[in-house]
């Protein structure tokens, strides 16, 4: 075989290898960059979702408070309204009862039906 053909074949082989090698390195580096960016974006979205969930809970609690105050003014006790809130724990109901008493009477209630059980 002619040496020029051998050198050409070797040159093409080395060229293909180096092309593959550098493309592979660039590809892997790009994947790491994409992973870092995706992780930071997911973390940002999770924090926004958490703050929206907290805001929703605060708004729901405020709505419960307004309804319980209305029930207190109508019937003299917020217990019926508070009992209808299945999304609240006993401690949250006790806190809501205390808030209603403070807002309507200006002082805490003498007894809280949601504490002491």
PDB file of N, CA and C in Angstrom:
ATOM      1  N   UNK A   1       0.826  -1.179   0.000  1.00  0.00           N
ATOM      2  CA  UNK A   1       0.000   0.000   0.000  1.00  0.00           C
ATOM      3  C   UNK A   1       0.864   1.233   0.000  1.00  0.00           C
ATOM      4  N   UNK A   2       0.287   2.189  -0.529  1.00  0.00           N
ATOM      5  CA  UNK A   2       0.976   3.466  -0.625  1.00  0.00           C
ATOM      6  C   UNK A   2       0.936   4.163   0.738  1.00  0.00           C
ATOM      7  N   UNK A   3       2.008   4.846   1.108  1.00  0.00           N
ATOM      8  CA  UNK A   3       2.077   5.511   2.408  1.00  0.00           C
ATOM      9  C   UNK A   3       1.096   6.665   2.508  1.00  0.00           C
ATOM     10  N   UNK A   4       0.755   7.283   1.441  1.00  0.00           N
ATOM     11  CA  UNK A   4      -0.215   8.383   1.500  1.00  0.00           C
ATOM     12  C   UNK A   4      -1.607   7.864   1.846  1.00  0.00           C
ATOM     13  N   UNK A   5      -1.945   6.693   1.367  1.00  0.00           N
ATOM     14  CA  UNK A   5      -3.248   6.111   1.689  1.00  0.00           C
ATOM     15  C   UNK A   5      -3.284   5.732   3.162  1.00  0.00           C
ATOM     16  N   UNK A   6      -2.196   5.143   3.665  1.00  0.00           N
ATOM     17  CA  UNK A   6      -2.125   4.754   5.067  1.00  0.00           C
ATOM     18  C   UNK A   6      -2.207   6.001   5.947  1.00  0.00           C
ATOM     19  N   UNK A   7      -1.454   7.019   5.590  1.00  0.00           N
ATOM     20  CA  UNK A   7      -1.483   8.275   6.367  1.00  0.00           C
ATOM     21  C   UNK A   7      -2.868   8.918   6.312  1.00  0.00           C
ATOM     22  N   UNK A   8      -3.538   8.848   5.193  1.00  0.00           N
ATOM     23  CA  UNK A   8      -4.877   9.411   5.057  1.00  0.00           C
ATOM     24  C   UNK A   8      -5.859   8.647   5.940  1.00  0.00           C
ATOM     25  N   UNK A   9      -5.788   7.326   5.950  1.00  0.00           N
ATOM     26  CA  UNK A   9      -6.671   6.502   6.767  1.00  0.00           C
ATOM     27  C   UNK A   9      -6.410   6.777   8.250  1.00  0.00           C
ATOM     28  N   UNK A  10      -5.140   6.842   8.634  1.00  0.00           N
ATOM     29  CA  UNK A  10      -4.788   7.139  10.025  1.00  0.00           C
ATOM     30  C   UNK A  10      -5.271   8.547  10.392  1.00  0.00           C
ATOM     31  N   UNK A  11      -5.104   9.499   9.514  1.00  0.00           N
ATOM     32  CA  UNK A  11      -5.563  10.873   9.760  1.00  0.00           C
ATOM     33  C   UNK A  11      -7.078  10.938   9.930  1.00  0.00           C
ATOM     34  N   UNK A  12      -7.802  10.217   9.094  1.00  0.00           N
ATOM     35  CA  UNK A  12      -9.262  10.197   9.202  1.00  0.00           C
ATOM     36  C   UNK A  12      -9.675   9.537  10.520  1.00  0.00           C
ATOM     37  N   UNK A  13      -8.990   8.439  10.904  1.00  0.00           N
ATOM     38  CA  UNK A  13      -9.311   7.747  12.156  1.00  0.00           C
ATOM     39  C   UNK A  13      -9.056   8.662  13.353  1.00  0.00           C
ATOM     40  N   UNK A  14      -7.878   9.316  13.395  1.00  0.00           N
ATOM     41  CA  UNK A  14      -7.573  10.233  14.490  1.00  0.00           C
ATOM     42  C   UNK A  14      -8.521  11.418  14.510  1.00  0.00           C
ATOM     43  N   UNK A  15      -8.846  11.921  13.349  1.00  0.00           N
ATOM     44  CA  UNK A  15      -9.779  13.053  13.259  1.00  0.00           C
ATOM     45  C   UNK A  15     -11.153  12.662  13.800  1.00  0.00           C
ATOM     46  N   UNK A  16     -11.621  11.481  13.430  1.00  0.00           N
ATOM     47  CA  UNK A  16     -12.914  10.996  13.931  1.00  0.00           C
ATOM     48  C   UNK A  16     -12.881  10.777  15.428  1.00  0.00           C
ATOM     49  N   UNK A  17     -11.755  10.200  15.935  1.00  0.00           N
ATOM     50  CA  UNK A  17     -11.641   9.965  17.369  1.00  0.00           C
ATOM     51  C   UNK A  17     -11.638  11.281  18.145  1.00  0.00           C
ATOM     52  N   UNK A  18     -10.818  12.232  17.726  1.00  0.00           N
ATOM     53  CA  UNK A  18     -10.751  13.510  18.439  1.00  0.00           C
ATOM     54  C   UNK A  18     -12.067  14.281  18.342  1.00  0.00           C
ATOM     55  N   UNK A  19     -12.721  14.197  17.211  1.00  0.00           N
ATOM     56  CA  UNK A  19     -14.025  14.847  17.054  1.00  0.00           C
ATOM     57  C   UNK A  19     -15.033  14.242  18.033  1.00  0.00           C
ATOM     58  N   UNK A  20     -15.059  12.903  18.095  1.00  0.00           N
ATOM     59  CA  UNK A  20     -15.955  12.228  19.040  1.00  0.00           C
ATOM     60  C   UNK A  20     -15.595  12.576  20.483  1.00  0.00           C
ATOM     61  N   UNK A  21     -14.297  12.562  20.812  1.00  0.00           N
ATOM     62  CA  UNK A  21     -13.839  12.811  22.168  1.00  0.00           C
ATOM     63  C   UNK A  21     -14.246  14.207  22.647  1.00  0.00           C
ATOM     64  N   UNK A  22     -13.994  15.245  21.877  1.00  0.00           N
ATOM     65  CA  UNK A  22     -14.316  16.611  22.298  1.00  0.00           C
ATOM     66  C   UNK A  22     -15.824  16.867  22.308  1.00  0.00           C
ATOM     67  N   UNK A  23     -16.533  16.248  21.366  1.00  0.00           N
ATOM     68  CA  UNK A  23     -17.992  16.367  21.370  1.00  0.00           C
ATOM     69  C   UNK A  23     -18.564  15.708  22.613  1.00  0.00           C
ATOM     70  N   UNK A  24     -18.042  14.576  22.978  1.00  0.00           N
ATOM     71  CA  UNK A  24     -18.506  13.862  24.175  1.00  0.00           C
ATOM     72  C   UNK A  24     -18.241  14.679  25.443  1.00  0.00           C
ATOM     73  N   UNK A  25     -17.054  15.279  25.556  1.00  0.00           N
ATOM     74  CA  UNK A  25     -16.730  16.118  26.719  1.00  0.00           C
ATOM     75  C   UNK A  25     -17.663  17.319  26.794  1.00  0.00           C
ATOM     76  N   UNK A  26     -17.907  17.979  25.666  1.00  0.00           N
ATOM     77  CA  UNK A  26     -18.806  19.134  25.641  1.00  0.00           C
ATOM     78  C   UNK A  26     -20.221  18.719  26.035  1.00  0.00           C
ATOM     79  N   UNK A  27     -20.663  17.570  25.532  1.00  0.00           N
ATOM     80  CA  UNK A  27     -21.997  17.056  25.836  1.00  0.00           C
ATOM     81  C   UNK A  27     -22.147  16.791  27.334  1.00  0.00           C
ATOM     82  N   UNK A  28     -21.166  16.118  27.945  1.00  0.00           N
ATOM     83  CA  UNK A  28     -21.233  15.824  29.374  1.00  0.00           C
ATOM     84  C   UNK A  28     -21.198  17.099  30.216  1.00  0.00           C
ATOM     85  N   UNK A  29     -20.388  18.076  29.822  1.00  0.00           N
ATOM     86  CA  UNK A  29     -20.340  19.348  30.539  1.00  0.00           C
ATOM     87  C   UNK A  29     -21.675  20.074  30.416  1.00  0.00           C
ATOM     88  N   UNK A  30     -22.289  20.015  29.264  1.00  0.00           N
ATOM     89  CA  UNK A  30     -23.599  20.638  29.075  1.00  0.00           C
ATOM     90  C   UNK A  30     -24.656  19.966  29.939  1.00  0.00           C
ATOM     91  N   UNK A  31     -24.598  18.646  30.054  1.00  0.00           N
ATOM     92  CA  UNK A  31     -25.549  17.931  30.904  1.00  0.00           C
ATOM     93  C   UNK A  31     -25.418  18.359  32.361  1.00  0.00           C
ATOM     94  N   UNK A  32     -24.191  18.514  32.841  1.00  0.00           N
ATOM     95  CA  UNK A  32     -23.993  18.967  34.219  1.00  0.00           C
ATOM     96  C   UNK A  32     -24.549  20.371  34.410  1.00  0.00           C
ATOM     97  N   UNK A  33     -24.344  21.242  33.444  1.00  0.00           N
ATOM     98  CA  UNK A  33     -24.893  22.600  33.522  1.00  0.00           C
ATOM     99  C   UNK A  33     -26.414  22.596  33.518  1.00  0.00           C
ATOM    100  N   UNK A  34     -27.000  21.738  32.682  1.00  0.00           N
ATOM    101  CA  UNK A  34     -28.452  21.628  32.646  1.00  0.00           C
ATOM    102  C   UNK A  34     -28.987  21.101  33.968  1.00  0.00           C
ATOM    103  N   UNK A  35     -28.293  20.148  34.573  1.00  0.00           N
ATOM    104  CA  UNK A  35     -28.731  19.588  35.841  1.00  0.00           C
ATOM    105  C   UNK A  35     -28.687  20.651  36.945  1.00  0.00           C
ATOM    106  N   UNK A  36     -27.612  21.433  37.000  1.00  0.00           N
ATOM    107  CA  UNK A  36     -27.528  22.501  37.999  1.00  0.00           C
ATOM    108  C   UNK A  36     -28.644  23.518  37.806  1.00  0.00           C
ATOM    109  N   UNK A  37     -28.889  23.916  36.573  1.00  0.00           N
ATOM    110  CA  UNK A  37     -29.937  24.904  36.284  1.00  0.00           C
ATOM    111  C   UNK A  37     -31.319  24.356  36.623  1.00  0.00           C
ATOM    112  N   UNK A  38     -31.562  23.103  36.253  1.00  0.00           N
ATOM    113  CA  UNK A  38     -32.861  22.497  36.556  1.00  0.00           C
ATOM    114  C   UNK A  38     -33.068  22.378  38.063  1.00  0.00           C
ATOM    115  N   UNK A  39     -32.036  22.019  38.790  1.00  0.00           N
ATOM    116  CA  UNK A  39     -32.136  21.907  40.246  1.00  0.00           C
ATOM    117  C   UNK A  39     -32.453  23.257  40.872  1.00  0.00           C
ATOM    118  N   UNK A  40     -31.791  24.303  40.413  1.00  0.00           N
ATOM    119  CA  UNK A  40     -32.062  25.633  40.977  1.00  0.00           C
ATOM    120  C   UNK A  40     -33.465  26.110  40.610  1.00  0.00           C
ATOM    121  N   UNK A  41     -33.931  25.821  39.409  1.00  0.00           N
ATOM    122  CA  UNK A  41     -35.281  26.225  39.024  1.00  0.00           C
ATOM    123  C   UNK A  41     -36.332  25.447  39.806  1.00  0.00           C
ATOM    124  N   UNK A  42     -36.104  24.172  40.035  1.00  0.00           N
ATOM    125  CA  UNK A  42     -37.051  23.367  40.819  1.00  0.00           C
ATOM    126  C   UNK A  42     -37.100  23.873  42.248  1.00  0.00           C
ATOM    127  N   UNK A  43     -35.948  24.208  42.818  1.00  0.00           N
ATOM    128  CA  UNK A  43     -35.920  24.744  44.183  1.00  0.00           C
ATOM    129  C   UNK A  43     -36.679  26.066  44.261  1.00  0.00           C
ATOM    130  N   UNK A  44     -36.516  26.926  43.259  1.00  0.00           N
ATOM    131  CA  UNK A  44     -37.240  28.200  43.243  1.00  0.00           C
ATOM    132  C   UNK A  44     -38.740  27.970  43.131  1.00  0.00           C
ATOM    133  N   UNK A  45     -39.146  27.043  42.275  1.00  0.00           N
ATOM    134  CA  UNK A  45     -40.569  26.735  42.132  1.00  0.00           C
ATOM    135  C   UNK A  45     -41.152  26.146  43.413  1.00  0.00           C
ATOM    136  N   UNK A  46     -40.384  25.302  44.085  1.00  0.00           N
ATOM    137  CA  UNK A  46     -40.860  24.714  45.338  1.00  0.00           C
ATOM    138  C   UNK A  46     -41.041  25.777  46.412  1.00  0.00           C
ATOM    139  N   UNK A  47     -40.133  26.755  46.464  1.00  0.00           N
ATOM    140  CA  UNK A  47     -40.275  27.809  47.468  1.00  0.00           C
ATOM    141  C   UNK A  47     -41.480  28.688  47.151  1.00  0.00           C
ATOM    142  N   UNK A  48     -41.703  28.960  45.868  1.00  0.00           N
ATOM    143  CA  UNK A  48     -42.882  29.740  45.484  1.00  0.00           C
ATOM    144  C   UNK A  48     -44.156  28.960  45.804  1.00  0.00           C
ATOM    145  N   UNK A  49     -44.155  27.676  45.506  1.00  0.00           N
ATOM    146  CA  UNK A  49     -45.334  26.851  45.802  1.00  0.00           C
ATOM    147  C   UNK A  49     -45.592  26.802  47.302  1.00  0.00           C
ATOM    148  N   UNK A  50     -44.530  26.717  48.096  1.00  0.00           N
ATOM    149  CA  UNK A  50     -44.689  26.715  49.546  1.00  0.00           C
ATOM    150  C   UNK A  50     -45.256  28.018  50.059  1.00  0.00           C
ATOM    151  N   UNK A  51     -44.791  29.129  49.505  1.00  0.00           N
ATOM    152  CA  UNK A  51     -45.310  30.417  49.962  1.00  0.00           C
ATOM    153  C   UNK A  51     -46.759  30.614  49.514  1.00  0.00           C
ATOM    154  N   UNK A  52     -47.114  30.106  48.347  1.00  0.00           N
ATOM    155  CA  UNK A  52     -48.505  30.194  47.891  1.00  0.00           C
ATOM    156  C   UNK A  52     -49.399  29.335  48.779  1.00  0.00           C
ATOM    157  N   UNK A  53     -48.911  28.150  49.154  1.00  0.00           N
ATOM    158  CA  UNK A  53     -49.689  27.277  50.028  1.00  0.00           C
ATOM    159  C   UNK A  53     -49.882  27.938  51.387  1.00  0.00           C
ATOM    160  N   UNK A  54     -48.840  28.573  51.917  1.00  0.00           N
ATOM    161  CA  UNK A  54     -48.946  29.270  53.200  1.00  0.00           C
ATOM    162  C   UNK A  54     -49.935  30.425  53.089  1.00  0.00           C
ATOM    163  N   UNK A  55     -49.891  31.153  51.997  1.00  0.00           N
ATOM    164  CA  UNK A  55     -50.831  32.256  51.781  1.00  0.00           C
ATOM    165  C   UNK A  55     -52.261  31.732  51.703  1.00  0.00           C
ATOM    166  N   UNK A  56     -52.459  30.621  51.006  1.00  0.00           N
ATOM    167  CA  UNK A  56     -53.794  30.020  50.923  1.00  0.00           C
ATOM    168  C   UNK A  56     -54.302  29.608  52.303  1.00  0.00           C
ATOM    169  N   UNK A  57     -53.432  29.017  53.108  1.00  0.00           N
ATOM    170  CA  UNK A  57     -53.839  28.612  54.452  1.00  0.00           C
ATOM    171  C   UNK A  57     -54.197  29.829  55.297  1.00  0.00           C
ATOM    172  N   UNK A  58     -53.417  30.903  55.171  1.00  0.00           N
ATOM    173  CA  UNK A  58     -53.718  32.125  55.923  1.00  0.00           C
ATOM    174  C   UNK A  58     -55.053  32.728  55.493  1.00  0.00           C
ATOM    175  N   UNK A  59     -55.317  32.711  54.184  1.00  0.00           N
ATOM    176  CA  UNK A  59     -56.587  33.248  53.685  1.00  0.00           C
ATOM    177  C   UNK A  59     -57.771  32.410  54.161  1.00  0.00           C
ATOM    178  N   UNK A  60     -57.610  31.096  54.156  1.00  0.00           N
ATOM    179  CA  UNK A  60     -58.679  30.213  54.631  1.00  0.00           C
ATOM    180  C   UNK A  60     -58.934  30.443  56.114  1.00  0.00           C
ATOM    181  N   UNK A  61     -57.850  30.582  56.895  1.00  0.00           N
ATOM    182  CA  UNK A  61     -58.007  30.821  58.326  1.00  0.00           C
ATOM    183  C   UNK A  61     -58.694  32.173  58.571  1.00  0.00           C
ATOM    184  N   UNK A  62     -58.371  33.173  57.786  1.00  0.00           N
ATOM    185  CA  UNK A  62     -59.020  34.478  57.920  1.00  0.00           C
ATOM    186  C   UNK A  62     -60.511  34.371  57.590  1.00  0.00           C
ATOM    187  N   UNK A  63     -60.846  33.609  56.565  1.00  0.00           N
ATOM    188  CA  UNK A  63     -62.250  33.394  56.202  1.00  0.00           C
ATOM    189  C   UNK A  63     -62.981  32.664  57.326  1.00  0.00           C
ATOM    190  N   UNK A  64     -62.347  31.653  57.917  1.00  0.00           N
ATOM    191  CA  UNK A  64     -62.940  30.947  59.058  1.00  0.00           C
ATOM    192  C   UNK A  64     -63.174  31.902  60.220  1.00  0.00           C
ATOM    193  N   UNK A  65     -62.209  32.773  60.470  1.00  0.00           N
ATOM    194  CA  UNK A  65     -62.330  33.734  61.569  1.00  0.00           C
ATOM    195  C   UNK A  65     -63.515  34.675  61.338  1.00  0.00           C
ATOM    196  N   UNK A  66     -63.646  35.193  60.133  1.00  0.00           N
ATOM    197  CA  UNK A  66     -64.758  36.097  59.818  1.00  0.00           C
ATOM    198  C   UNK A  66     -66.109  35.387  59.978  1.00  0.00           C
ATOM    199  N   UNK A  67     -66.198  34.147  59.507  1.00  0.00           N
ATOM    200  CA  UNK A  67     -67.445  33.398  59.631  1.00  0.00           C
ATOM    201  C   UNK A  67     -67.773  33.094  61.086  1.00  0.00           C
ATOM    202  N   UNK A  68     -66.753  32.769  61.892  1.00  0.00           N
ATOM    203  CA  UNK A  68     -66.979  32.473  63.307  1.00  0.00           C
ATOM    204  C   UNK A  68     -67.407  33.729  64.065  1.00  0.00           C
ATOM    205  N   UNK A  69     -66.840  34.877  63.717  1.00  0.00           N
ATOM    206  CA  UNK A  69     -67.244  36.141  64.343  1.00  0.00           C
ATOM    207  C   UNK A  69     -68.693  36.452  63.993  1.00  0.00           C
ATOM    208  N   UNK A  70     -69.056  36.219  62.743  1.00  0.00           N
ATOM    209  CA  UNK A  70     -70.442  36.436  62.319  1.00  0.00           C
ATOM    210  C   UNK A  70     -71.390  35.512  63.083  1.00  0.00           C
ATOM    211  N   UNK A  71     -71.000  34.254  63.252  1.00  0.00           N
ATOM    212  CA  UNK A  71     -71.816  33.305  64.014  1.00  0.00           C
ATOM    213  C   UNK A  71     -71.918  33.735  65.475  1.00  0.00           C
ATOM    214  N   UNK A  72     -70.843  34.229  66.041  1.00  0.00           N
ATOM    215  CA  UNK A  72     -70.861  34.693  67.427  1.00  0.00           C
ATOM    216  C   UNK A  72     -71.845  35.855  67.584  1.00  0.00           C
ATOM    217  N   UNK A  73     -71.801  36.790  66.644  1.00  0.00           N
ATOM    218  CA  UNK A  73     -72.699  37.952  66.719  1.00  0.00           C
ATOM    219  C   UNK A  73     -74.155  37.544  66.512  1.00  0.00           C
ATOM    220  N   UNK A  74     -74.368  36.511  65.711  1.00  0.00           N
ATOM    221  CA  UNK A  74     -75.726  36.078  65.433  1.00  0.00           C
ATOM    222  C   UNK A  74     -76.300  35.242  66.573  1.00  0.00           C
ATOM    223  N   UNK A  75     -75.499  34.307  67.098  1.00  0.00           N
ATOM    224  CA  UNK A  75     -76.060  33.383  68.079  1.00  0.00           C
ATOM    225  C   UNK A  75     -75.435  33.474  69.469  1.00  0.00           C
ATOM    226  N   UNK A  76     -74.385  34.234  69.635  1.00  0.00           N
ATOM    227  CA  UNK A  76     -73.753  34.373  70.949  1.00  0.00           C
ATOM    228  C   UNK A  76     -72.638  33.382  71.210  1.00  0.00           C
ATOM    229  N   UNK A  77     -72.373  32.480  70.253  1.00  0.00           N
ATOM    230  CA  UNK A  77     -71.296  31.504  70.406  1.00  0.00           C
ATOM    231  C   UNK A  77     -70.779  31.113  69.017  1.00  0.00           C
ATOM    232  N   UNK A  78     -69.462  31.042  68.848  1.00  0.00           N
ATOM    233  CA  UNK A  78     -68.913  30.652  67.549  1.00  0.00           C
ATOM    234  C   UNK A  78     -68.745  29.145  67.382  1.00  0.00           C
ATOM    235  N   UNK A  79     -69.194  28.375  68.353  1.00  0.00           N
ATOM    236  CA  UNK A  79     -68.911  26.941  68.372  1.00  0.00           C
ATOM    237  C   UNK A  79     -69.510  26.218  67.158  1.00  0.00           C
ATOM    238  N   UNK A  80     -70.731  26.551  66.771  1.00  0.00           N
ATOM    239  CA  UNK A  80     -71.346  25.854  65.619  1.00  0.00           C
ATOM    240  C   UNK A  80     -70.543  26.084  64.349  1.00  0.00           C
ATOM    241  N   UNK A  81     -70.091  27.313  64.144  1.00  0.00           N
ATOM    242  CA  UNK A  81     -69.291  27.600  62.945  1.00  0.00           C
ATOM    243  C   UNK A  81     -67.950  26.890  63.007  1.00  0.00           C
ATOM    244  N   UNK A  82     -67.304  26.938  64.163  1.00  0.00           N
ATOM    245  CA  UNK A  82     -65.986  26.309  64.294  1.00  0.00           C
ATOM    246  C   UNK A  82     -66.098  24.793  64.150  1.00  0.00           C
ATOM    247  N   UNK A  83     -67.150  24.197  64.684  1.00  0.00           N
ATOM    248  CA  UNK A  83     -67.331  22.752  64.553  1.00  0.00           C
ATOM    249  C   UNK A  83     -67.511  22.312  63.103  1.00  0.00           C
ATOM    250  N   UNK A  84     -67.972  23.207  62.252  1.00  0.00           N
ATOM    251  CA  UNK A  84     -68.205  22.833  60.856  1.00  0.00           C
ATOM    252  C   UNK A  84     -66.920  22.803  60.027  1.00  0.00           C
ATOM    253  N   UNK A  85     -65.799  23.267  60.592  1.00  0.00           N
ATOM    254  CA  UNK A  85     -64.537  23.299  59.851  1.00  0.00           C
ATOM    255  C   UNK A  85     -63.785  21.990  60.055  1.00  0.00           C
ATOM    256  N   UNK A  86     -63.945  21.087  59.109  1.00  0.00           N
ATOM    257  CA  UNK A  86     -63.297  19.779  59.202  1.00  0.00           C
ATOM    258  C   UNK A  86     -61.814  19.828  58.856  1.00  0.00           C
ATOM    259  N   UNK A  87     -61.364  20.931  58.255  1.00  0.00           N
ATOM    260  CA  UNK A  87     -59.970  21.034  57.855  1.00  0.00           C
ATOM    261  C   UNK A  87     -59.061  21.488  58.989  1.00  0.00           C
ATOM    262  N   UNK A  88     -59.617  21.808  60.155  1.00  0.00           N
ATOM    263  CA  UNK A  88     -58.820  22.299  61.276  1.00  0.00           C
ATOM    264  C   UNK A  88     -58.624  21.200  62.322  1.00  0.00           C
ATOM    265  N   UNK A  89     -57.461  21.217  62.948  1.00  0.00           N
ATOM    266  CA  UNK A  89     -57.209  20.318  64.064  1.00  0.00           C
ATOM    267  C   UNK A  89     -57.849  20.907  65.317  1.00  0.00           C
ATOM    268  N   UNK A  90     -57.876  20.121  66.387  1.00  0.00           N
ATOM    269  CA  UNK A  90     -58.469  20.599  67.648  1.00  0.00           C
ATOM    270  C   UNK A  90     -57.712  21.829  68.152  1.00  0.00           C
ATOM    271  N   UNK A  91     -56.397  21.833  68.044  1.00  0.00           N
ATOM    272  CA  UNK A  91     -55.607  22.980  68.515  1.00  0.00           C
ATOM    273  C   UNK A  91     -55.893  24.220  67.662  1.00  0.00           C
ATOM    274  N   UNK A  92     -56.031  24.039  66.362  1.00  0.00           N
ATOM    275  CA  UNK A  92     -56.368  25.172  65.496  1.00  0.00           C
ATOM    276  C   UNK A  92     -57.761  25.709  65.814  1.00  0.00           C
ATOM    277  N   UNK A  93     -58.698  24.812  66.135  1.00  0.00           N
ATOM    278  CA  UNK A  93     -60.034  25.254  66.530  1.00  0.00           C
ATOM    279  C   UNK A  93     -59.981  26.024  67.845  1.00  0.00           C
ATOM    280  N   UNK A  94     -59.140  25.575  68.784  1.00  0.00           N
ATOM    281  CA  UNK A  94     -58.999  26.287  70.056  1.00  0.00           C
ATOM    282  C   UNK A  94     -58.397  27.669  69.838  1.00  0.00           C
ATOM    283  N   UNK A  95     -57.413  27.768  68.972  1.00  0.00           N
ATOM    284  CA  UNK A  95     -56.804  29.060  68.657  1.00  0.00           C
ATOM    285  C   UNK A  95     -57.816  29.973  67.978  1.00  0.00           C
ATOM    286  N   UNK A  96     -58.605  29.424  67.073  1.00  0.00           N
ATOM    287  CA  UNK A  96     -59.634  30.202  66.394  1.00  0.00           C
ATOM    288  C   UNK A  96     -60.678  30.705  67.390  1.00  0.00           C
ATOM    289  N   UNK A  97     -61.083  29.856  68.322  1.00  0.00           N
ATOM    290  CA  UNK A  97     -62.042  30.264  69.349  1.00  0.00           C
ATOM    291  C   UNK A  97     -61.479  31.420  70.180  1.00  0.00           C
ATOM    292  N   UNK A  98     -60.209  31.316  70.559  1.00  0.00           N
ATOM    293  CA  UNK A  98     -59.577  32.402  71.322  1.00  0.00           C
ATOM    294  C   UNK A  98     -59.545  33.707  70.523  1.00  0.00           C
ATOM    295  N   UNK A  99     -59.234  33.608  69.247  1.00  0.00           N
ATOM    296  CA  UNK A  99     -59.194  34.810  68.407  1.00  0.00           C
ATOM    297  C   UNK A  99     -60.576  35.442  68.275  1.00  0.00           C
ATOM    298  N   UNK A 100     -61.593  34.611  68.124  1.00  0.00           N
ATOM    299  CA  UNK A 100     -62.960  35.134  68.017  1.00  0.00           C
ATOM    300  C   UNK A 100     -63.335  35.863  69.298  1.00  0.00           C
ATOM    301  N   UNK A 101     -63.033  35.276  70.448  1.00  0.00           N
ATOM    302  CA  UNK A 101     -63.352  35.923  71.729  1.00  0.00           C
ATOM    303  C   UNK A 101     -62.595  37.236  71.879  1.00  0.00           C
ATOM    304  N   UNK A 102     -61.343  37.255  71.502  1.00  0.00           N
ATOM    305  CA  UNK A 102     -60.575  38.496  71.594  1.00  0.00           C
ATOM    306  C   UNK A 102     -61.138  39.576  70.675  1.00  0.00           C
ATOM    307  N   UNK A 103     -61.546  39.184  69.481  1.00  0.00           N
ATOM    308  CA  UNK A 103     -62.059  40.176  68.525  1.00  0.00           C
ATOM    309  C   UNK A 103     -63.452  40.659  68.886  1.00  0.00           C
ATOM    310  N   UNK A 104     -64.263  39.823  69.501  1.00  0.00           N
ATOM    311  CA  UNK A 104     -65.641  40.232  69.784  1.00  0.00           C
ATOM    312  C   UNK A 104     -65.788  40.818  71.179  1.00  0.00           C
ATOM    313  N   UNK A 105     -65.154  40.224  72.187  1.00  0.00           N
ATOM    314  CA  UNK A 105     -65.295  40.693  73.559  1.00  0.00           C
ATOM    315  C   UNK A 105     -64.163  41.611  73.989  1.00  0.00           C
ATOM    316  N   UNK A 106     -63.025  41.500  73.315  1.00  0.00           N
ATOM    317  CA  UNK A 106     -61.861  42.272  73.709  1.00  0.00           C
ATOM    318  C   UNK A 106     -61.046  41.581  74.790  1.00  0.00           C
ATOM    319  N   UNK A 107     -61.409  40.379  75.130  1.00  0.00           N
ATOM    320  CA  UNK A 107     -60.683  39.598  76.140  1.00  0.00           C
ATOM    321  C   UNK A 107     -60.809  38.122  75.785  1.00  0.00           C
ATOM    322  N   UNK A 108     -59.929  37.293  76.334  1.00  0.00           N
ATOM    323  CA  UNK A 108     -60.047  35.852  76.063  1.00  0.00           C
ATOM    324  C   UNK A 108     -61.303  35.282  76.715  1.00  0.00           C
ATOM    325  N   UNK A 109     -61.794  34.214  76.155  1.00  0.00           N
ATOM    326  CA  UNK A 109     -62.963  33.548  76.729  1.00  0.00           C
ATOM    327  C   UNK A 109     -62.626  32.909  78.068  1.00  0.00           C
ATOM    328  N   UNK A 110     -63.628  32.745  78.916  1.00  0.00           N
ATOM    329  CA  UNK A 110     -63.401  32.152  80.238  1.00  0.00           C
ATOM    330  C   UNK A 110     -63.066  30.668  80.119  1.00  0.00           C
ATOM    331  N   UNK A 111     -63.703  29.998  79.195  1.00  0.00           N
ATOM    332  CA  UNK A 111     -63.386  28.589  78.966  1.00  0.00           C
ATOM    333  C   UNK A 111     -63.408  28.338  77.457  1.00  0.00           C
ATOM    334  N   UNK A 112     -62.515  27.487  77.049  1.00  0.00           N
ATOM    335  CA  UNK A 112     -62.416  27.150  75.632  1.00  0.00           C
ATOM    336  C   UNK A 112     -62.887  25.707  75.474  1.00  0.00           C
ATOM    337  N   UNK A 113     -63.977  25.489  74.733  1.00  0.00           N
ATOM    338  CA  UNK A 113     -64.502  24.125  74.604  1.00  0.00           C
ATOM    339  C   UNK A 113     -63.578  23.182  73.825  1.00  0.00           C
ATOM    340  N   UNK A 114     -62.554  23.705  73.190  1.00  0.00           N
ATOM    341  CA  UNK A 114     -61.654  22.871  72.405  1.00  0.00           C
ATOM    342  C   UNK A 114     -60.373  22.520  73.149  1.00  0.00           C
ATOM    343  N   UNK A 115     -60.238  22.990  74.363  1.00  0.00           N
ATOM    344  CA  UNK A 115     -59.083  22.649  75.197  1.00  0.00           C
ATOM    345  C   UNK A 115     -59.565  21.877  76.405  1.00  0.00           C
ATOM    346  N   UNK A 116     -58.716  21.060  76.938  1.00  0.00           N
ATOM    347  CA  UNK A 116     -59.033  20.337  78.155  1.00  0.00           C
ATOM    348  C   UNK A 116     -59.670  18.990  77.932  1.00  0.00           C
ATOM    349  N   UNK A 117     -59.754  18.517  76.703  1.00  0.00           N
ATOM    350  CA  UNK A 117     -60.324  17.193  76.447  1.00  0.00           C
ATOM    351  C   UNK A 117     -59.270  16.143  76.580  1.00  0.00           C
TER     352      UNK A 117
END
